């Protein structure tokens, strides 16, 4: 099992204890593009060319579970489209 797979599995098992850096690494590895926040904002936006949905995540430590769960949903959606 690779480091990426271990990280993804850990996020699925415990979405409450995920740092922004870990979530960012997983999303980038899955092909999401990150847009940095505009002036005065702390929210990063992630988009994937194959998906209509976007994900906006505040840079806080740890990231709230709701954002991690939504990211995992989008990753699963990508896996289903890839099959």
PDB file of N, CA and C in Angstrom:
ATOM      1  N   UNK A   1       0.851  -1.179   0.000  1.00  0.00           N
ATOM      2  CA  UNK A   1       0.000   0.000   0.000  1.00  0.00           C
ATOM      3  C   UNK A   1       0.899   1.246   0.000  1.00  0.00           C
ATOM      4  N   UNK A   2       0.635   2.151  -0.919  1.00  0.00           N
ATOM      5  CA  UNK A   2       1.459   3.353  -1.044  1.00  0.00           C
ATOM      6  C   UNK A   2       1.114   4.374   0.039  1.00  0.00           C
ATOM      7  N   UNK A   3       1.949   5.383   0.167  1.00  0.00           N
ATOM      8  CA  UNK A   3       1.695   6.455   1.140  1.00  0.00           C
ATOM      9  C   UNK A   3       0.383   7.161   0.841  1.00  0.00           C
ATOM     10  N   UNK A   4       0.134   7.382  -0.463  1.00  0.00           N
ATOM     11  CA  UNK A   4      -1.098   8.047  -0.869  1.00  0.00           C
ATOM     12  C   UNK A   4      -2.319   7.226  -0.452  1.00  0.00           C
ATOM     13  N   UNK A   5      -2.277   5.916  -0.693  1.00  0.00           N
ATOM     14  CA  UNK A   5      -3.392   5.053  -0.316  1.00  0.00           C
ATOM     15  C   UNK A   5      -3.602   5.037   1.195  1.00  0.00           C
ATOM     16  N   UNK A   6      -2.512   5.040   1.954  1.00  0.00           N
ATOM     17  CA  UNK A   6      -2.613   5.080   3.415  1.00  0.00           C
ATOM     18  C   UNK A   6      -3.230   6.397   3.887  1.00  0.00           C
ATOM     19  N   UNK A   7      -2.825   7.484   3.253  1.00  0.00           N
ATOM     20  CA  UNK A   7      -3.361   8.793   3.604  1.00  0.00           C
ATOM     21  C   UNK A   7      -4.854   8.863   3.299  1.00  0.00           C
ATOM     22  N   UNK A   8      -5.249   8.364   2.135  1.00  0.00           N
ATOM     23  CA  UNK A   8      -6.654   8.362   1.736  1.00  0.00           C
ATOM     24  C   UNK A   8      -7.475   7.481   2.667  1.00  0.00           C
ATOM     25  N   UNK A   9      -6.968   6.324   3.026  1.00  0.00           N
ATOM     26  CA  UNK A   9      -7.654   5.422   3.944  1.00  0.00           C
ATOM     27  C   UNK A   9      -7.810   6.070   5.318  1.00  0.00           C
ATOM     28  N   UNK A  10      -6.765   6.739   5.784  1.00  0.00           N
ATOM     29  CA  UNK A  10      -6.835   7.430   7.068  1.00  0.00           C
ATOM     30  C   UNK A  10      -7.878   8.539   7.070  1.00  0.00           C
ATOM     31  N   UNK A  11      -8.011   9.233   5.950  1.00  0.00           N
ATOM     32  CA  UNK A  11      -9.020  10.288   5.838  1.00  0.00           C
ATOM     33  C   UNK A  11     -10.420   9.689   5.891  1.00  0.00           C
ATOM     34  N   UNK A  12     -10.595   8.544   5.262  1.00  0.00           N
ATOM     35  CA  UNK A  12     -11.907   7.890   5.271  1.00  0.00           C
ATOM     36  C   UNK A  12     -12.264   7.393   6.667  1.00  0.00           C
ATOM     37  N   UNK A  13     -11.275   6.865   7.379  1.00  0.00           N
ATOM     38  CA  UNK A  13     -11.523   6.312   8.705  1.00  0.00           C
ATOM     39  C   UNK A  13     -11.705   7.381   9.771  1.00  0.00           C
ATOM     40  N   UNK A  14     -11.017   8.516   9.619  1.00  0.00           N
ATOM     41  CA  UNK A  14     -11.099   9.570  10.626  1.00  0.00           C
ATOM     42  C   UNK A  14     -11.076  10.940   9.946  1.00  0.00           C
ATOM     43  N   UNK A  15     -12.221  11.378   9.405  1.00  0.00           N
ATOM     44  CA  UNK A  15     -12.248  12.667   8.695  1.00  0.00           C
ATOM     45  C   UNK A  15     -12.124  13.882   9.614  1.00  0.00           C
ATOM     46  N   UNK A  16     -12.162  13.669  10.915  1.00  0.00           N
ATOM     47  CA  UNK A  16     -12.080  14.797  11.853  1.00  0.00           C
ATOM     48  C   UNK A  16     -10.648  15.227  12.130  1.00  0.00           C
ATOM     49  N   UNK A  17      -9.690  14.402  11.764  1.00  0.00           N
ATOM     50  CA  UNK A  17      -8.301  14.698  12.113  1.00  0.00           C
ATOM     51  C   UNK A  17      -7.443  14.781  10.849  1.00  0.00           C
ATOM     52  N   UNK A  18      -7.792  15.706   9.955  1.00  0.00           N
ATOM     53  CA  UNK A  18      -7.072  15.864   8.690  1.00  0.00           C
ATOM     54  C   UNK A  18      -6.562  17.295   8.600  1.00  0.00           C
ATOM     55  N   UNK A  19      -5.294  17.437   8.295  1.00  0.00           N
ATOM     56  CA  UNK A  19      -4.738  18.782   8.152  1.00  0.00           C
ATOM     57  C   UNK A  19      -5.024  19.295   6.742  1.00  0.00           C
ATOM     58  N   UNK A  20      -4.932  20.604   6.575  1.00  0.00           N
ATOM     59  CA  UNK A  20      -5.145  21.204   5.261  1.00  0.00           C
ATOM     60  C   UNK A  20      -4.124  20.682   4.262  1.00  0.00           C
ATOM     61  N   UNK A  21      -2.888  20.517   4.693  1.00  0.00           N
ATOM     62  CA  UNK A  21      -1.824  20.052   3.810  1.00  0.00           C
ATOM     63  C   UNK A  21      -2.105  18.643   3.296  1.00  0.00           C
ATOM     64  N   UNK A  22      -2.630  17.762   4.170  1.00  0.00           N
ATOM     65  CA  UNK A  22      -2.968  16.396   3.760  1.00  0.00           C
ATOM     66  C   UNK A  22      -4.100  16.396   2.735  1.00  0.00           C
ATOM     67  N   UNK A  23      -5.143  17.174   3.002  1.00  0.00           N
ATOM     68  CA  UNK A  23      -6.264  17.256   2.079  1.00  0.00           C
ATOM     69  C   UNK A  23      -5.816  17.837   0.744  1.00  0.00           C
ATOM     70  N   UNK A  24      -4.993  18.861   0.786  1.00  0.00           N
ATOM     71  CA  UNK A  24      -4.469  19.487  -0.420  1.00  0.00           C
ATOM     72  C   UNK A  24      -3.674  18.478  -1.252  1.00  0.00           C
ATOM     73  N   UNK A  25      -2.826  17.693  -0.605  1.00  0.00           N
ATOM     74  CA  UNK A  25      -2.005  16.699  -1.290  1.00  0.00           C
ATOM     75  C   UNK A  25      -2.885  15.658  -1.986  1.00  0.00           C
ATOM     76  N   UNK A  26      -3.918  15.175  -1.313  1.00  0.00           N
ATOM     77  CA  UNK A  26      -4.801  14.163  -1.888  1.00  0.00           C
ATOM     78  C   UNK A  26      -5.566  14.729  -3.082  1.00  0.00           C
ATOM     79  N   UNK A  27      -6.105  15.925  -2.931  1.00  0.00           N
ATOM     80  CA  UNK A  27      -6.872  16.515  -4.025  1.00  0.00           C
ATOM     81  C   UNK A  27      -6.000  16.774  -5.254  1.00  0.00           C
ATOM     82  N   UNK A  28      -4.795  17.276  -5.047  1.00  0.00           N
ATOM     83  CA  UNK A  28      -3.889  17.515  -6.177  1.00  0.00           C
ATOM     84  C   UNK A  28      -3.509  16.201  -6.866  1.00  0.00           C
ATOM     85  N   UNK A  29      -3.255  15.169  -6.079  1.00  0.00           N
ATOM     86  CA  UNK A  29      -2.883  13.860  -6.624  1.00  0.00           C
ATOM     87  C   UNK A  29      -4.026  13.274  -7.463  1.00  0.00           C
ATOM     88  N   UNK A  30      -5.269  13.616  -7.119  1.00  0.00           N
ATOM     89  CA  UNK A  30      -6.443  13.117  -7.846  1.00  0.00           C
ATOM     90  C   UNK A  30      -6.791  13.983  -9.050  1.00  0.00           C
ATOM     91  N   UNK A  31      -5.993  15.010  -9.305  1.00  0.00           N
ATOM     92  CA  UNK A  31      -6.177  15.813 -10.507  1.00  0.00           C
ATOM     93  C   UNK A  31      -6.940  17.115 -10.315  1.00  0.00           C
ATOM     94  N   UNK A  32      -7.194  17.497  -9.083  1.00  0.00           N
ATOM     95  CA  UNK A  32      -7.885  18.761  -8.826  1.00  0.00           C
ATOM     96  C   UNK A  32      -6.903  19.920  -8.965  1.00  0.00           C
ATOM     97  N   UNK A  33      -7.409  21.022  -9.459  1.00  0.00           N
ATOM     98  CA  UNK A  33      -6.611  22.240  -9.567  1.00  0.00           C
ATOM     99  C   UNK A  33      -7.015  23.178  -8.441  1.00  0.00           C
ATOM    100  N   UNK A  34      -6.016  23.761  -7.785  1.00  0.00           N
ATOM    101  CA  UNK A  34      -6.283  24.656  -6.658  1.00  0.00           C
ATOM    102  C   UNK A  34      -6.153  26.103  -7.098  1.00  0.00           C
ATOM    103  N   UNK A  35      -7.153  26.885  -6.721  1.00  0.00           N
ATOM    104  CA  UNK A  35      -7.067  28.333  -6.924  1.00  0.00           C
ATOM    105  C   UNK A  35      -6.860  28.967  -5.556  1.00  0.00           C
ATOM    106  N   UNK A  36      -5.853  29.804  -5.473  1.00  0.00           N
ATOM    107  CA  UNK A  36      -5.543  30.483  -4.219  1.00  0.00           C
ATOM    108  C   UNK A  36      -6.598  31.534  -3.916  1.00  0.00           C
ATOM    109  N   UNK A  37      -6.770  31.847  -2.646  1.00  0.00           N
ATOM    110  CA  UNK A  37      -7.794  32.816  -2.273  1.00  0.00           C
ATOM    111  C   UNK A  37      -7.472  34.219  -2.763  1.00  0.00           C
ATOM    112  N   UNK A  38      -8.523  34.982  -2.960  1.00  0.00           N
ATOM    113  CA  UNK A  38      -8.347  36.385  -3.314  1.00  0.00           C
ATOM    114  C   UNK A  38      -7.931  37.183  -2.095  1.00  0.00           C
ATOM    115  N   UNK A  39      -7.845  38.455  -2.249  1.00  0.00           N
ATOM    116  CA  UNK A  39      -7.406  39.295  -1.134  1.00  0.00           C
ATOM    117  C   UNK A  39      -8.424  39.247  -0.003  1.00  0.00           C
ATOM    118  N   UNK A  40      -7.930  38.994   1.191  1.00  0.00           N
ATOM    119  CA  UNK A  40      -8.770  38.996   2.381  1.00  0.00           C
ATOM    120  C   UNK A  40      -9.504  37.700   2.642  1.00  0.00           C
ATOM    121  N   UNK A  41      -9.295  36.680   1.850  1.00  0.00           N
ATOM    122  CA  UNK A  41      -9.995  35.414   2.027  1.00  0.00           C
ATOM    123  C   UNK A  41      -9.016  34.341   2.480  1.00  0.00           C
ATOM    124  N   UNK A  42      -9.536  33.345   3.167  1.00  0.00           N
ATOM    125  CA  UNK A  42      -8.706  32.223   3.593  1.00  0.00           C
ATOM    126  C   UNK A  42      -9.230  30.918   3.001  1.00  0.00           C
ATOM    127  N   UNK A  43     -10.096  30.997   1.986  1.00  0.00           N
ATOM    128  CA  UNK A  43     -10.701  29.819   1.386  1.00  0.00           C
ATOM    129  C   UNK A  43     -10.031  29.489   0.046  1.00  0.00           C
ATOM    130  N   UNK A  44      -9.655  28.233  -0.101  1.00  0.00           N
ATOM    131  CA  UNK A  44      -9.082  27.737  -1.342  1.00  0.00           C
ATOM    132  C   UNK A  44     -10.170  27.003  -2.118  1.00  0.00           C
ATOM    133  N   UNK A  45     -10.143  27.126  -3.442  1.00  0.00           N
ATOM    134  CA  UNK A  45     -11.142  26.496  -4.292  1.00  0.00           C
ATOM    135  C   UNK A  45     -10.478  25.424  -5.128  1.00  0.00           C
ATOM    136  N   UNK A  46     -11.103  24.250  -5.166  1.00  0.00           N
ATOM    137  CA  UNK A  46     -10.594  23.123  -5.943  1.00  0.00           C
ATOM    138  C   UNK A  46     -11.611  22.768  -7.018  1.00  0.00           C
ATOM    139  N   UNK A  47     -11.114  22.550  -8.231  1.00  0.00           N
ATOM    140  CA  UNK A  47     -11.971  22.167  -9.347  1.00  0.00           C
ATOM    141  C   UNK A  47     -11.276  21.053 -10.123  1.00  0.00           C
ATOM    142  N   UNK A  48     -12.087  20.199 -10.727  1.00  0.00           N
ATOM    143  CA  UNK A  48     -11.560  19.116 -11.555  1.00  0.00           C
ATOM    144  C   UNK A  48     -12.178  19.232 -12.936  1.00  0.00           C
ATOM    145  N   UNK A  49     -11.392  19.061 -13.988  1.00  0.00           N
ATOM    146  CA  UNK A  49     -11.917  19.237 -15.344  1.00  0.00           C
ATOM    147  C   UNK A  49     -13.065  18.292 -15.702  1.00  0.00           C
ATOM    148  N   UNK A  50     -13.164  17.134 -15.041  1.00  0.00           N
ATOM    149  CA  UNK A  50     -14.216  16.173 -15.345  1.00  0.00           C
ATOM    150  C   UNK A  50     -15.473  16.367 -14.508  1.00  0.00           C
ATOM    151  N   UNK A  51     -15.438  17.271 -13.536  1.00  0.00           N
ATOM    152  CA  UNK A  51     -16.579  17.465 -12.639  1.00  0.00           C
ATOM    153  C   UNK A  51     -17.150  18.871 -12.763  1.00  0.00           C
ATOM    154  N   UNK A  52     -18.444  18.965 -12.586  1.00  0.00           N
ATOM    155  CA  UNK A  52     -19.101  20.269 -12.568  1.00  0.00           C
ATOM    156  C   UNK A  52     -18.969  20.933 -11.189  1.00  0.00           C
ATOM    157  N   UNK A  53     -18.879  20.121 -10.153  1.00  0.00           N
ATOM    158  CA  UNK A  53     -18.821  20.622  -8.778  1.00  0.00           C
ATOM    159  C   UNK A  53     -17.458  21.215  -8.462  1.00  0.00           C
ATOM    160  N   UNK A  54     -17.472  22.177  -7.554  1.00  0.00           N
ATOM    161  CA  UNK A  54     -16.227  22.718  -7.010  1.00  0.00           C
ATOM    162  C   UNK A  54     -16.249  22.511  -5.509  1.00  0.00           C
ATOM    163  N   UNK A  55     -15.106  22.571  -4.906  1.00  0.00           N
ATOM    164  CA  UNK A  55     -14.973  22.405  -3.462  1.00  0.00           C
ATOM    165  C   UNK A  55     -14.226  23.614  -2.924  1.00  0.00           C
ATOM    166  N   UNK A  56     -14.813  24.286  -1.963  1.00  0.00           N
ATOM    167  CA  UNK A  56     -14.177  25.430  -1.321  1.00  0.00           C
ATOM    168  C   UNK A  56     -13.842  25.038   0.110  1.00  0.00           C
ATOM    169  N   UNK A  57     -12.570  25.180   0.471  1.00  0.00           N
ATOM    170  CA  UNK A  57     -12.085  24.731   1.778  1.00  0.00           C
ATOM    171  C   UNK A  57     -11.356  25.869   2.477  1.00  0.00           C
ATOM    172  N   UNK A  58     -11.755  26.192   3.720  1.00  0.00           N
ATOM    173  CA  UNK A  58     -10.984  27.184   4.470  1.00  0.00           C
ATOM    174  C   UNK A  58      -9.683  26.565   4.970  1.00  0.00           C
ATOM    175  N   UNK A  59      -8.646  27.354   4.986  1.00  0.00           N
ATOM    176  CA  UNK A  59      -7.354  26.850   5.467  1.00  0.00           C
ATOM    177  C   UNK A  59      -7.318  26.995   6.974  1.00  0.00           C
ATOM    178  N   UNK A  60      -7.747  25.944   7.627  1.00  0.00           N
ATOM    179  CA  UNK A  60      -7.718  25.923   9.093  1.00  0.00           C
ATOM    180  C   UNK A  60      -7.164  24.578   9.527  1.00  0.00           C
ATOM    181  N   UNK A  61      -6.738  24.506  10.757  1.00  0.00           N
ATOM    182  CA  UNK A  61      -6.163  23.264  11.281  1.00  0.00           C
ATOM    183  C   UNK A  61      -6.946  22.801  12.478  1.00  0.00           C
ATOM    184  N   UNK A  62      -7.413  21.583  12.531  1.00  0.00           N
ATOM    185  CA  UNK A  62      -7.598  20.686  11.390  1.00  0.00           C
ATOM    186  C   UNK A  62      -8.795  21.135  10.545  1.00  0.00           C
ATOM    187  N   UNK A  63      -8.894  20.594   9.346  1.00  0.00           N
ATOM    188  CA  UNK A  63     -10.007  20.905   8.454  1.00  0.00           C
ATOM    189  C   UNK A  63     -11.254  20.230   9.012  1.00  0.00           C
ATOM    190  N   UNK A  64     -12.379  20.924   8.988  1.00  0.00           N
ATOM    191  CA  UNK A  64     -13.614  20.339   9.499  1.00  0.00           C
ATOM    192  C   UNK A  64     -14.001  19.115   8.686  1.00  0.00           C
ATOM    193  N   UNK A  65     -14.607  18.149   9.371  1.00  0.00           N
ATOM    194  CA  UNK A  65     -14.941  16.861   8.763  1.00  0.00           C
ATOM    195  C   UNK A  65     -15.870  17.017   7.558  1.00  0.00           C
ATOM    196  N   UNK A  66     -16.739  18.009   7.563  1.00  0.00           N
ATOM    197  CA  UNK A  66     -17.682  18.185   6.457  1.00  0.00           C
ATOM    198  C   UNK A  66     -16.945  18.435   5.143  1.00  0.00           C
ATOM    199  N   UNK A  67     -15.840  19.161   5.164  1.00  0.00           N
ATOM    200  CA  UNK A  67     -15.055  19.428   3.957  1.00  0.00           C
ATOM    201  C   UNK A  67     -14.320  18.170   3.492  1.00  0.00           C
ATOM    202  N   UNK A  68     -13.818  17.406   4.439  1.00  0.00           N
ATOM    203  CA  UNK A  68     -13.112  16.164   4.108  1.00  0.00           C
ATOM    204  C   UNK A  68     -14.091  15.165   3.486  1.00  0.00           C
ATOM    205  N   UNK A  69     -15.272  15.047   4.075  1.00  0.00           N
ATOM    206  CA  UNK A  69     -16.272  14.118   3.544  1.00  0.00           C
ATOM    207  C   UNK A  69     -16.708  14.513   2.141  1.00  0.00           C
ATOM    208  N   UNK A  70     -16.868  15.804   1.897  1.00  0.00           N
ATOM    209  CA  UNK A  70     -17.256  16.277   0.562  1.00  0.00           C
ATOM    210  C   UNK A  70     -16.144  15.991  -0.453  1.00  0.00           C
ATOM    211  N   UNK A  71     -14.900  16.181  -0.044  1.00  0.00           N
ATOM    212  CA  UNK A  71     -13.768  15.882  -0.921  1.00  0.00           C
ATOM    213  C   UNK A  71     -13.739  14.398  -1.263  1.00  0.00           C
ATOM    214  N   UNK A  72     -13.988  13.549  -0.280  1.00  0.00           N
ATOM    215  CA  UNK A  72     -14.005  12.102  -0.523  1.00  0.00           C
ATOM    216  C   UNK A  72     -15.141  11.718  -1.464  1.00  0.00           C
ATOM    217  N   UNK A  73     -16.284  12.388  -1.342  1.00  0.00           N
ATOM    218  CA  UNK A  73     -17.404  12.134  -2.258  1.00  0.00           C
ATOM    219  C   UNK A  73     -17.006  12.470  -3.697  1.00  0.00           C
ATOM    220  N   UNK A  74     -16.348  13.598  -3.881  1.00  0.00           N
ATOM    221  CA  UNK A  74     -15.927  14.006  -5.217  1.00  0.00           C
ATOM    222  C   UNK A  74     -14.894  13.039  -5.797  1.00  0.00           C
ATOM    223  N   UNK A  75     -13.989  12.548  -4.961  1.00  0.00           N
ATOM    224  CA  UNK A  75     -12.982  11.583  -5.407  1.00  0.00           C
ATOM    225  C   UNK A  75     -13.657  10.272  -5.826  1.00  0.00           C
ATOM    226  N   UNK A  76     -14.642   9.833  -5.049  1.00  0.00           N
ATOM    227  CA  UNK A  76     -15.376   8.610  -5.410  1.00  0.00           C
ATOM    228  C   UNK A  76     -16.142   8.794  -6.715  1.00  0.00           C
ATOM    229  N   UNK A  77     -16.700   9.970  -6.911  1.00  0.00           N
ATOM    230  CA  UNK A  77     -17.413  10.281  -8.150  1.00  0.00           C
ATOM    231  C   UNK A  77     -16.448  10.179  -9.343  1.00  0.00           C
ATOM    232  N   UNK A  78     -15.245  10.655  -9.178  1.00  0.00           N
ATOM    233  CA  UNK A  78     -14.231  10.532 -10.233  1.00  0.00           C
ATOM    234  C   UNK A  78     -13.910   9.076 -10.526  1.00  0.00           C
ATOM    235  N   UNK A  79     -13.793   8.265  -9.463  1.00  0.00           N
ATOM    236  CA  UNK A  79     -13.502   6.845  -9.644  1.00  0.00           C
ATOM    237  C   UNK A  79     -14.607   6.148 -10.420  1.00  0.00           C
ATOM    238  N   UNK A  80     -15.853   6.497 -10.141  1.00  0.00           N
ATOM    239  CA  UNK A  80     -16.992   5.888 -10.838  1.00  0.00           C
ATOM    240  C   UNK A  80     -17.009   6.290 -12.303  1.00  0.00           C
ATOM    241  N   UNK A  81     -16.685   7.543 -12.603  1.00  0.00           N
ATOM    242  CA  UNK A  81     -16.657   8.001 -13.991  1.00  0.00           C
ATOM    243  C   UNK A  81     -15.504   7.381 -14.754  1.00  0.00           C
ATOM    244  N   UNK A  82     -14.433   7.049 -14.055  1.00  0.00           N
ATOM    245  CA  UNK A  82     -13.269   6.460 -14.697  1.00  0.00           C
ATOM    246  C   UNK A  82     -13.460   5.010 -15.069  1.00  0.00           C
ATOM    247  N   UNK A  83     -14.410   4.333 -14.443  1.00  0.00           N
ATOM    248  CA  UNK A  83     -14.653   2.909 -14.725  1.00  0.00           C
ATOM    249  C   UNK A  83     -15.356   2.685 -16.026  1.00  0.00           C
TER     250      UNK A  83
END
